[in-house]
């Protein structure tokens, strides 16, 4: 098992497999509806350290999420 880190700490261009989404039912449901759920690989397209929106690619779709939301998406490095 690899290191578990929030998506906000992933370097731009790197991919991680989502292992957990911290938050209530509403947040998990919203992220699930856009394809972000445990087991899915996401790639960080852009983001700034400590603030601002983070753009993630899930499959062929890119989506921008707030820094706080992305800090609750926990990933594990893919091989």
C-alpha atoms as a PDB file:
ATOM      1  CA  UNK A   1       0.000   0.000   0.000  1.00  0.00           C
ATOM      2  CA  UNK A   2       1.399   3.414  -0.999  1.00  0.00           C
ATOM      3  CA  UNK A   3       1.411   6.711   0.813  1.00  0.00           C
ATOM      4  CA  UNK A   4      -2.026   8.283   1.252  1.00  0.00           C
ATOM      5  CA  UNK A   5      -2.054  12.001   0.473  1.00  0.00           C
ATOM      6  CA  UNK A   6      -4.669  14.650  -0.282  1.00  0.00           C
ATOM      7  CA  UNK A   7      -5.019  15.540  -3.954  1.00  0.00           C
ATOM      8  CA  UNK A   8      -3.898  19.089  -3.089  1.00  0.00           C
ATOM      9  CA  UNK A   9      -0.421  17.688  -2.279  1.00  0.00           C
ATOM     10  CA  UNK A  10      -0.097  15.742  -5.545  1.00  0.00           C
ATOM     11  CA  UNK A  11       2.306  17.319  -8.069  1.00  0.00           C
ATOM     12  CA  UNK A  12       0.756  18.744 -11.252  1.00  0.00           C
ATOM     13  CA  UNK A  13       0.732  16.038 -13.924  1.00  0.00           C
ATOM     14  CA  UNK A  14       0.727  13.144 -11.444  1.00  0.00           C
ATOM     15  CA  UNK A  15      -2.058  10.583 -11.100  1.00  0.00           C
ATOM     16  CA  UNK A  16      -3.419   8.961  -7.945  1.00  0.00           C
ATOM     17  CA  UNK A  17      -6.035   6.324  -7.223  1.00  0.00           C
ATOM     18  CA  UNK A  18      -8.738   7.745  -4.944  1.00  0.00           C
ATOM     19  CA  UNK A  19      -8.874   5.683  -1.747  1.00  0.00           C
ATOM     20  CA  UNK A  20     -11.157   7.835   0.415  1.00  0.00           C
ATOM     21  CA  UNK A  21     -13.323  10.942   0.344  1.00  0.00           C
ATOM     22  CA  UNK A  22     -13.524  12.686   3.712  1.00  0.00           C
ATOM     23  CA  UNK A  23     -16.765  14.513   4.304  1.00  0.00           C
ATOM     24  CA  UNK A  24     -20.455  14.073   4.672  1.00  0.00           C
ATOM     25  CA  UNK A  25     -22.977  12.388   2.447  1.00  0.00           C
ATOM     26  CA  UNK A  26     -23.547  15.551   0.393  1.00  0.00           C
ATOM     27  CA  UNK A  27     -19.887  15.981  -0.514  1.00  0.00           C
ATOM     28  CA  UNK A  28     -19.382  12.298  -1.303  1.00  0.00           C
ATOM     29  CA  UNK A  29     -22.549  12.283  -3.410  1.00  0.00           C
ATOM     30  CA  UNK A  30     -21.522  15.399  -5.365  1.00  0.00           C
ATOM     31  CA  UNK A  31     -18.064  14.026  -6.105  1.00  0.00           C
ATOM     32  CA  UNK A  32     -19.513  10.628  -7.040  1.00  0.00           C
ATOM     33  CA  UNK A  33     -21.826  12.325  -9.543  1.00  0.00           C
ATOM     34  CA  UNK A  34     -18.797  13.774 -11.391  1.00  0.00           C
ATOM     35  CA  UNK A  35     -16.934  10.464 -11.314  1.00  0.00           C
ATOM     36  CA  UNK A  36     -14.687  10.966  -8.279  1.00  0.00           C
ATOM     37  CA  UNK A  37     -15.038   7.990  -5.945  1.00  0.00           C
ATOM     38  CA  UNK A  38     -12.767   5.379  -4.348  1.00  0.00           C
ATOM     39  CA  UNK A  39     -10.992   3.197  -6.899  1.00  0.00           C
ATOM     40  CA  UNK A  40     -10.950   5.823  -9.670  1.00  0.00           C
ATOM     41  CA  UNK A  41      -7.669   7.259 -10.985  1.00  0.00           C
ATOM     42  CA  UNK A  42      -7.528  11.066 -11.187  1.00  0.00           C
ATOM     43  CA  UNK A  43      -4.790  13.254 -12.664  1.00  0.00           C
ATOM     44  CA  UNK A  44      -3.997  16.712 -11.284  1.00  0.00           C
ATOM     45  CA  UNK A  45      -3.933  19.068 -14.265  1.00  0.00           C
ATOM     46  CA  UNK A  46      -3.293  22.339 -12.402  1.00  0.00           C
ATOM     47  CA  UNK A  47      -3.396  23.924  -8.989  1.00  0.00           C
ATOM     48  CA  UNK A  48      -1.574  26.335  -6.706  1.00  0.00           C
ATOM     49  CA  UNK A  49       0.043  25.497  -3.356  1.00  0.00           C
ATOM     50  CA  UNK A  50      -2.254  26.402  -0.492  1.00  0.00           C
ATOM     51  CA  UNK A  51      -5.140  28.050  -2.353  1.00  0.00           C
ATOM     52  CA  UNK A  52      -7.275  28.408  -5.445  1.00  0.00           C
ATOM     53  CA  UNK A  53      -9.054  25.957  -7.667  1.00  0.00           C
ATOM     54  CA  UNK A  54      -7.573  22.570  -8.540  1.00  0.00           C
ATOM     55  CA  UNK A  55      -8.272  21.070 -11.969  1.00  0.00           C
ATOM     56  CA  UNK A  56      -8.576  17.287 -12.034  1.00  0.00           C
ATOM     57  CA  UNK A  57      -8.944  14.970 -14.990  1.00  0.00           C
ATOM     58  CA  UNK A  58     -11.222  11.989 -14.510  1.00  0.00           C
ATOM     59  CA  UNK A  59     -11.259   9.813 -17.597  1.00  0.00           C
ATOM     60  CA  UNK A  60     -11.663  12.200 -20.518  1.00  0.00           C
ATOM     61  CA  UNK A  61     -13.226  15.001 -18.482  1.00  0.00           C
ATOM     62  CA  UNK A  62     -11.568  17.865 -16.626  1.00  0.00           C
ATOM     63  CA  UNK A  63     -13.247  19.557 -13.687  1.00  0.00           C
ATOM     64  CA  UNK A  64     -12.229  22.426 -11.406  1.00  0.00           C
ATOM     65  CA  UNK A  65     -12.852  22.021  -7.688  1.00  0.00           C
ATOM     66  CA  UNK A  66     -12.115  24.261  -4.730  1.00  0.00           C
ATOM     67  CA  UNK A  67      -8.949  23.737  -2.720  1.00  0.00           C
ATOM     68  CA  UNK A  68     -10.939  22.744   0.401  1.00  0.00           C
ATOM     69  CA  UNK A  69     -12.876  20.048  -1.443  1.00  0.00           C
ATOM     70  CA  UNK A  70      -9.706  18.639  -3.007  1.00  0.00           C
ATOM     71  CA  UNK A  71      -7.992  18.547   0.374  1.00  0.00           C
ATOM     72  CA  UNK A  72     -10.629  15.980   1.386  1.00  0.00           C
ATOM     73  CA  UNK A  73      -9.971  13.672  -1.589  1.00  0.00           C
ATOM     74  CA  UNK A  74      -7.345  11.199  -0.407  1.00  0.00           C
ATOM     75  CA  UNK A  75      -5.302   9.389  -3.024  1.00  0.00           C
ATOM     76  CA  UNK A  76      -2.591   6.777  -3.283  1.00  0.00           C
ATOM     77  CA  UNK A  77       0.174   6.865  -5.901  1.00  0.00           C
ATOM     78  CA  UNK A  78      -0.436   4.646  -8.915  1.00  0.00           C
ATOM     79  CA  UNK A  79       2.315   2.525 -10.445  1.00  0.00           C
END
